[in-house]
Amino acid sequence: VAGFVLYSLYSSWHWSEGELYTAVHQA
């Protein structure tokens, strides 16, 4: 559970390529 929580916190604080692609095109 601790590992899952740390991974989800990390992924919510960092951009992924898909997120950046989507954000730029939506903008």
PDB file of all heavy atoms in Angstrom:
ATOM      1  N   VAL A   1       0.838  -1.199   0.000  1.00  0.00           N
ATOM      2  CA  VAL A   1       0.000   0.000   0.000  1.00  0.00           C
ATOM      3  C   VAL A   1       0.876   1.253   0.000  1.00  0.00           C
ATOM      4  O   VAL A   1       0.607   2.213  -0.739  1.00  0.00           O
ATOM      5  CB  VAL A   1      -0.967  -0.014   1.211  1.00  0.00           C
ATOM      6  CG1 VAL A   1      -1.667   1.320   1.378  1.00  0.00           C
ATOM      7  CG2 VAL A   1      -1.971  -1.131   1.060  1.00  0.00           C
ATOM      8  N   ALA A   2       1.918   1.265   0.796  1.00  0.00           N
ATOM      9  CA  ALA A   2       2.818   2.421   0.843  1.00  0.00           C
ATOM     10  C   ALA A   2       3.476   2.651  -0.521  1.00  0.00           C
ATOM     11  O   ALA A   2       3.599   3.791  -0.977  1.00  0.00           O
ATOM     12  CB  ALA A   2       3.884   2.223   1.917  1.00  0.00           C
ATOM     13  N   GLY A   3       3.899   1.590  -1.187  1.00  0.00           N
ATOM     14  CA  GLY A   3       4.491   1.727  -2.520  1.00  0.00           C
ATOM     15  C   GLY A   3       3.508   2.280  -3.538  1.00  0.00           C
ATOM     16  O   GLY A   3       3.856   3.150  -4.343  1.00  0.00           O
ATOM     17  N   PHE A   4       2.277   1.806  -3.491  1.00  0.00           N
ATOM     18  CA  PHE A   4       1.251   2.316  -4.402  1.00  0.00           C
ATOM     19  C   PHE A   4       0.984   3.794  -4.155  1.00  0.00           C
ATOM     20  O   PHE A   4       0.865   4.581  -5.085  1.00  0.00           O
ATOM     21  CB  PHE A   4      -0.041   1.509  -4.240  1.00  0.00           C
ATOM     22  CG  PHE A   4      -1.165   2.028  -5.086  1.00  0.00           C
ATOM     23  CD1 PHE A   4      -1.194   1.805  -6.450  1.00  0.00           C
ATOM     24  CD2 PHE A   4      -2.183   2.777  -4.510  1.00  0.00           C
ATOM     25  CE1 PHE A   4      -2.224   2.295  -7.231  1.00  0.00           C
ATOM     26  CE2 PHE A   4      -3.217   3.268  -5.271  1.00  0.00           C
ATOM     27  CZ  PHE A   4      -3.237   3.033  -6.645  1.00  0.00           C
ATOM     28  N   VAL A   5       0.888   4.205  -2.903  1.00  0.00           N
ATOM     29  CA  VAL A   5       0.641   5.612  -2.566  1.00  0.00           C
ATOM     30  C   VAL A   5       1.795   6.487  -3.053  1.00  0.00           C
ATOM     31  O   VAL A   5       1.577   7.550  -3.647  1.00  0.00           O
ATOM     32  CB  VAL A   5       0.406   5.775  -1.045  1.00  0.00           C
ATOM     33  CG1 VAL A   5       0.449   7.233  -0.627  1.00  0.00           C
ATOM     34  CG2 VAL A   5      -0.907   5.143  -0.642  1.00  0.00           C
ATOM     35  N   LEU A   6       3.022   6.049  -2.832  1.00  0.00           N
ATOM     36  CA  LEU A   6       4.182   6.838  -3.284  1.00  0.00           C
ATOM     37  C   LEU A   6       4.225   6.942  -4.800  1.00  0.00           C
ATOM     38  O   LEU A   6       4.526   8.003  -5.353  1.00  0.00           O
ATOM     39  CB  LEU A   6       5.478   6.219  -2.750  1.00  0.00           C
ATOM     40  CG  LEU A   6       5.701   6.366  -1.251  1.00  0.00           C
ATOM     41  CD1 LEU A   6       6.954   5.603  -0.830  1.00  0.00           C
ATOM     42  CD2 LEU A   6       5.808   7.825  -0.868  1.00  0.00           C
ATOM     43  N   TYR A   7       3.915   5.860  -5.502  1.00  0.00           N
ATOM     44  CA  TYR A   7       3.899   5.900  -6.964  1.00  0.00           C
ATOM     45  C   TYR A   7       2.810   6.844  -7.474  1.00  0.00           C
ATOM     46  O   TYR A   7       3.033   7.626  -8.386  1.00  0.00           O
ATOM     47  CB  TYR A   7       3.687   4.501  -7.553  1.00  0.00           C
ATOM     48  CG  TYR A   7       3.553   4.532  -9.047  1.00  0.00           C
ATOM     49  CD1 TYR A   7       4.671   4.713  -9.848  1.00  0.00           C
ATOM     50  CD2 TYR A   7       2.302   4.437  -9.653  1.00  0.00           C
ATOM     51  CE1 TYR A   7       4.550   4.782 -11.226  1.00  0.00           C
ATOM     52  CE2 TYR A   7       2.175   4.500 -11.026  1.00  0.00           C
ATOM     53  CZ  TYR A   7       3.301   4.674 -11.809  1.00  0.00           C
ATOM     54  OH  TYR A   7       3.177   4.748 -13.169  1.00  0.00           O
ATOM     55  N   SER A   8       1.623   6.798  -6.887  1.00  0.00           N
ATOM     56  CA  SER A   8       0.544   7.667  -7.355  1.00  0.00           C
ATOM     57  C   SER A   8       0.845   9.128  -7.046  1.00  0.00           C
ATOM     58  O   SER A   8       0.520  10.016  -7.833  1.00  0.00           O
ATOM     59  CB  SER A   8      -0.800   7.244  -6.776  1.00  0.00           C
ATOM     60  OG  SER A   8      -0.772   7.301  -5.382  1.00  0.00           O
ATOM     61  N   LEU A   9       1.489   9.416  -5.923  1.00  0.00           N
ATOM     62  CA  LEU A   9       1.907  10.790  -5.633  1.00  0.00           C
ATOM     63  C   LEU A   9       2.939  11.269  -6.647  1.00  0.00           C
ATOM     64  O   LEU A   9       2.877  12.396  -7.139  1.00  0.00           O
ATOM     65  CB  LEU A   9       2.480  10.893  -4.218  1.00  0.00           C
ATOM     66  CG  LEU A   9       1.482  10.908  -3.084  1.00  0.00           C
ATOM     67  CD1 LEU A   9       2.206  10.858  -1.738  1.00  0.00           C
ATOM     68  CD2 LEU A   9       0.607  12.137  -3.164  1.00  0.00           C
ATOM     69  N   TYR A  10       3.902  10.411  -6.967  1.00  0.00           N
ATOM     70  CA  TYR A  10       4.926  10.776  -7.943  1.00  0.00           C
ATOM     71  C   TYR A  10       4.305  11.060  -9.308  1.00  0.00           C
ATOM     72  O   TYR A  10       4.614  12.058  -9.946  1.00  0.00           O
ATOM     73  CB  TYR A  10       5.960   9.654  -8.071  1.00  0.00           C
ATOM     74  CG  TYR A  10       6.982   9.914  -9.144  1.00  0.00           C
ATOM     75  CD1 TYR A  10       8.093  10.715  -8.885  1.00  0.00           C
ATOM     76  CD2 TYR A  10       6.837   9.387 -10.417  1.00  0.00           C
ATOM     77  CE1 TYR A  10       9.027  10.968  -9.866  1.00  0.00           C
ATOM     78  CE2 TYR A  10       7.767   9.642 -11.408  1.00  0.00           C
ATOM     79  CZ  TYR A  10       8.860  10.431 -11.126  1.00  0.00           C
ATOM     80  OH  TYR A  10       9.772  10.688 -12.101  1.00  0.00           O
ATOM     81  N   SER A  11       3.398  10.204  -9.754  1.00  0.00           N
ATOM     82  CA  SER A  11       2.816  10.386 -11.085  1.00  0.00           C
ATOM     83  C   SER A  11       1.885  11.589 -11.142  1.00  0.00           C
ATOM     84  O   SER A  11       1.714  12.178 -12.193  1.00  0.00           O
ATOM     85  CB  SER A  11       2.083   9.118 -11.525  1.00  0.00           C
ATOM     86  OG  SER A  11       0.989   8.867 -10.684  1.00  0.00           O
ATOM     87  N   SER A  12       1.301  11.980 -10.027  1.00  0.00           N
ATOM     88  CA  SER A  12       0.429  13.153 -10.046  1.00  0.00           C
ATOM     89  C   SER A  12       1.219  14.454  -9.997  1.00  0.00           C
ATOM     90  O   SER A  12       0.671  15.514 -10.279  1.00  0.00           O
ATOM     91  CB  SER A  12      -0.573  13.097  -8.892  1.00  0.00           C
ATOM     92  OG  SER A  12       0.090  13.269  -7.661  1.00  0.00           O
ATOM     93  N   TRP A  13       2.501  14.402  -9.676  1.00  0.00           N
ATOM     94  CA  TRP A  13       3.329  15.606  -9.610  1.00  0.00           C
ATOM     95  C   TRP A  13       4.249  15.765 -10.804  1.00  0.00           C
ATOM     96  O   TRP A  13       5.024  16.710 -10.863  1.00  0.00           O
ATOM     97  CB  TRP A  13       4.150  15.601  -8.324  1.00  0.00           C
ATOM     98  CG  TRP A  13       3.351  16.070  -7.166  1.00  0.00           C
ATOM     99  CD1 TRP A  13       2.558  15.313  -6.371  1.00  0.00           C
ATOM    100  CD2 TRP A  13       3.216  17.400  -6.689  1.00  0.00           C
ATOM    101  NE1 TRP A  13       1.953  16.090  -5.429  1.00  0.00           N
ATOM    102  CE2 TRP A  13       2.343  17.375  -5.593  1.00  0.00           C
ATOM    103  CE3 TRP A  13       3.760  18.613  -7.084  1.00  0.00           C
ATOM    104  CZ2 TRP A  13       1.997  18.514  -4.886  1.00  0.00           C
ATOM    105  CZ3 TRP A  13       3.416  19.753  -6.374  1.00  0.00           C
ATOM    106  CH2 TRP A  13       2.547  19.687  -5.295  1.00  0.00           C
ATOM    107  N   HIS A  14       4.228  14.841 -11.753  1.00  0.00           N
ATOM    108  CA  HIS A  14       5.113  14.906 -12.904  1.00  0.00           C
ATOM    109  C   HIS A  14       4.319  14.761 -14.200  1.00  0.00           C
ATOM    110  O   HIS A  14       3.362  14.000 -14.264  1.00  0.00           O
ATOM    111  CB  HIS A  14       6.179  13.804 -12.824  1.00  0.00           C
ATOM    112  CG  HIS A  14       7.156  14.017 -11.713  1.00  0.00           C
ATOM    113  ND1 HIS A  14       6.904  13.624 -10.423  1.00  0.00           N
ATOM    114  CD2 HIS A  14       8.368  14.605 -11.689  1.00  0.00           C
ATOM    115  CE1 HIS A  14       7.931  13.952  -9.661  1.00  0.00           C
ATOM    116  NE2 HIS A  14       8.823  14.558 -10.396  1.00  0.00           N
ATOM    117  N   TRP A  15       4.764  15.486 -15.220  1.00  0.00           N
ATOM    118  CA  TRP A  15       4.140  15.402 -16.537  1.00  0.00           C
ATOM    119  C   TRP A  15       4.528  14.091 -17.209  1.00  0.00           C
ATOM    120  O   TRP A  15       5.667  13.653 -17.115  1.00  0.00           O
ATOM    121  CB  TRP A  15       4.624  16.537 -17.433  1.00  0.00           C
ATOM    122  CG  TRP A  15       4.048  17.873 -17.124  1.00  0.00           C
ATOM    123  CD1 TRP A  15       4.597  18.834 -16.340  1.00  0.00           C
ATOM    124  CD2 TRP A  15       2.816  18.405 -17.607  1.00  0.00           C
ATOM    125  NE1 TRP A  15       3.785  19.927 -16.301  1.00  0.00           N
ATOM    126  CE2 TRP A  15       2.682  19.695 -17.078  1.00  0.00           C
ATOM    127  CE3 TRP A  15       1.813  17.914 -18.436  1.00  0.00           C
ATOM    128  CZ2 TRP A  15       1.584  20.502 -17.355  1.00  0.00           C
ATOM    129  CZ3 TRP A  15       0.730  18.718 -18.707  1.00  0.00           C
ATOM    130  CH2 TRP A  15       0.621  19.997 -18.168  1.00  0.00           C
ATOM    131  N   SER A  16       3.592  13.493 -17.918  1.00  0.00           N
ATOM    132  CA  SER A  16       3.914  12.392 -18.819  1.00  0.00           C
ATOM    133  C   SER A  16       3.802  12.933 -20.240  1.00  0.00           C
ATOM    134  O   SER A  16       3.240  14.004 -20.460  1.00  0.00           O
ATOM    135  CB  SER A  16       2.943  11.216 -18.619  1.00  0.00           C
ATOM    136  OG  SER A  16       1.649  11.556 -19.089  1.00  0.00           O
ATOM    137  N   GLU A  17       4.344  12.199 -21.210  1.00  0.00           N
ATOM    138  CA  GLU A  17       4.284  12.674 -22.591  1.00  0.00           C
ATOM    139  C   GLU A  17       2.840  12.785 -23.078  1.00  0.00           C
ATOM    140  O   GLU A  17       2.481  13.728 -23.773  1.00  0.00           O
ATOM    141  CB  GLU A  17       5.091  11.753 -23.502  1.00  0.00           C
ATOM    142  CG  GLU A  17       6.573  11.882 -23.275  1.00  0.00           C
ATOM    143  CD  GLU A  17       7.405  11.122 -24.280  1.00  0.00           C
ATOM    144  OE1 GLU A  17       6.906  10.843 -25.388  1.00  0.00           O
ATOM    145  OE2 GLU A  17       8.560  10.828 -23.955  1.00  0.00           O
ATOM    146  N   GLY A  18       2.004  11.818 -22.703  1.00  0.00           N
ATOM    147  CA  GLY A  18       0.600  11.855 -23.101  1.00  0.00           C
ATOM    148  C   GLY A  18      -0.141  13.037 -22.493  1.00  0.00           C
ATOM    149  O   GLY A  18      -0.969  13.670 -23.155  1.00  0.00           O
ATOM    150  N   GLU A  19       0.144  13.342 -21.225  1.00  0.00           N
ATOM    151  CA  GLU A  19      -0.503  14.483 -20.585  1.00  0.00           C
ATOM    152  C   GLU A  19      -0.098  15.794 -21.252  1.00  0.00           C
ATOM    153  O   GLU A  19      -0.943  16.661 -21.489  1.00  0.00           O
ATOM    154  CB  GLU A  19      -0.133  14.542 -19.098  1.00  0.00           C
ATOM    155  CG  GLU A  19      -0.805  13.500 -18.244  1.00  0.00           C
ATOM    156  CD  GLU A  19      -0.294  13.525 -16.825  1.00  0.00           C
ATOM    157  OE1 GLU A  19       0.861  13.944 -16.582  1.00  0.00           O
ATOM    158  OE2 GLU A  19      -1.060  13.103 -15.935  1.00  0.00           O
ATOM    159  N   LEU A  20       1.197  15.936 -21.558  1.00  0.00           N
ATOM    160  CA  LEU A  20       1.661  17.161 -22.196  1.00  0.00           C
ATOM    161  C   LEU A  20       1.050  17.305 -23.588  1.00  0.00           C
ATOM    162  O   LEU A  20       0.607  18.381 -23.971  1.00  0.00           O
ATOM    163  CB  LEU A  20       3.189  17.189 -22.257  1.00  0.00           C
ATOM    164  CG  LEU A  20       3.822  18.497 -22.731  1.00  0.00           C
ATOM    165  CD1 LEU A  20       3.421  19.648 -21.812  1.00  0.00           C
ATOM    166  CD2 LEU A  20       5.333  18.368 -22.763  1.00  0.00           C
ATOM    167  N   TYR A  21       0.993  16.222 -24.345  1.00  0.00           N
ATOM    168  CA  TYR A  21       0.384  16.228 -25.679  1.00  0.00           C
ATOM    169  C   TYR A  21      -1.078  16.674 -25.594  1.00  0.00           C
ATOM    170  O   TYR A  21      -1.523  17.563 -26.326  1.00  0.00           O
ATOM    171  CB  TYR A  21       0.484  14.835 -26.302  1.00  0.00           C
ATOM    172  CG  TYR A  21      -0.211  14.705 -27.637  1.00  0.00           C
ATOM    173  CD1 TYR A  21       0.468  14.990 -28.811  1.00  0.00           C
ATOM    174  CD2 TYR A  21      -1.539  14.305 -27.717  1.00  0.00           C
ATOM    175  CE1 TYR A  21      -0.162  14.879 -30.043  1.00  0.00           C
ATOM    176  CE2 TYR A  21      -2.183  14.188 -28.931  1.00  0.00           C
ATOM    177  CZ  TYR A  21      -1.483  14.477 -30.097  1.00  0.00           C
ATOM    178  OH  TYR A  21      -2.119  14.381 -31.310  1.00  0.00           O
ATOM    179  N   THR A  22      -1.822  16.074 -24.681  1.00  0.00           N
ATOM    180  CA  THR A  22      -3.238  16.396 -24.523  1.00  0.00           C
ATOM    181  C   THR A  22      -3.426  17.842 -24.077  1.00  0.00           C
ATOM    182  O   THR A  22      -4.280  18.559 -24.617  1.00  0.00           O
ATOM    183  CB  THR A  22      -3.887  15.441 -23.507  1.00  0.00           C
ATOM    184  OG1 THR A  22      -3.719  14.097 -23.955  1.00  0.00           O
ATOM    185  CG2 THR A  22      -5.360  15.743 -23.324  1.00  0.00           C
ATOM    186  N   ALA A  23      -2.632  18.293 -23.108  1.00  0.00           N
ATOM    187  CA  ALA A  23      -2.774  19.654 -22.589  1.00  0.00           C
ATOM    188  C   ALA A  23      -2.481  20.696 -23.669  1.00  0.00           C
ATOM    189  O   ALA A  23      -3.203  21.690 -23.791  1.00  0.00           O
ATOM    190  CB  ALA A  23      -1.845  19.855 -21.394  1.00  0.00           C
ATOM    191  N   VAL A  24      -1.439  20.476 -24.466  1.00  0.00           N
ATOM    192  CA  VAL A  24      -1.075  21.447 -25.501  1.00  0.00           C
ATOM    193  C   VAL A  24      -2.157  21.504 -26.580  1.00  0.00           C
ATOM    194  O   VAL A  24      -2.554  22.591 -27.025  1.00  0.00           O
ATOM    195  CB  VAL A  24       0.310  21.104 -26.105  1.00  0.00           C
ATOM    196  CG1 VAL A  24       0.590  21.922 -27.343  1.00  0.00           C
ATOM    197  CG2 VAL A  24       1.392  21.322 -25.062  1.00  0.00           C
ATOM    198  N   HIS A  25      -2.666  20.362 -26.987  1.00  0.00           N
ATOM    199  CA  HIS A  25      -3.700  20.359 -28.023  1.00  0.00           C
ATOM    200  C   HIS A  25      -5.033  20.917 -27.502  1.00  0.00           C
ATOM    201  O   HIS A  25      -5.749  21.596 -28.245  1.00  0.00           O
ATOM    202  CB  HIS A  25      -3.863  18.952 -28.604  1.00  0.00           C
ATOM    203  CG  HIS A  25      -2.760  18.606 -29.551  1.00  0.00           C
ATOM    204  ND1 HIS A  25      -1.541  18.154 -29.111  1.00  0.00           N
ATOM    205  CD2 HIS A  25      -2.669  18.686 -30.896  1.00  0.00           C
ATOM    206  CE1 HIS A  25      -0.760  17.945 -30.145  1.00  0.00           C
ATOM    207  NE2 HIS A  25      -1.414  18.273 -31.248  1.00  0.00           N
ATOM    208  N   GLN A  26      -5.372  20.645 -26.247  1.00  0.00           N
ATOM    209  CA  GLN A  26      -6.570  21.242 -25.664  1.00  0.00           C
ATOM    210  C   GLN A  26      -6.416  22.750 -25.531  1.00  0.00           C
ATOM    211  O   GLN A  26      -7.366  23.506 -25.727  1.00  0.00           O
ATOM    212  CB  GLN A  26      -6.885  20.621 -24.308  1.00  0.00           C
ATOM    213  CG  GLN A  26      -7.465  19.238 -24.398  1.00  0.00           C
ATOM    214  CD  GLN A  26      -7.762  18.648 -23.020  1.00  0.00           C
ATOM    215  OE1 GLN A  26      -7.451  19.220 -21.993  1.00  0.00           O
ATOM    216  NE2 GLN A  26      -8.369  17.471 -23.029  1.00  0.00           N
ATOM    217  N   ALA A  27      -5.209  23.209 -25.190  1.00  0.00           N
ATOM    218  CA  ALA A  27      -4.959  24.648 -25.078  1.00  0.00           C
ATOM    219  C   ALA A  27      -5.124  25.329 -26.435  1.00  0.00           C
ATOM    220  O   ALA A  27      -5.719  26.410 -26.523  1.00  0.00           O
ATOM    221  CB  ALA A  27      -3.554  24.896 -24.528  1.00  0.00           C
TER     222      ALA A  27
END
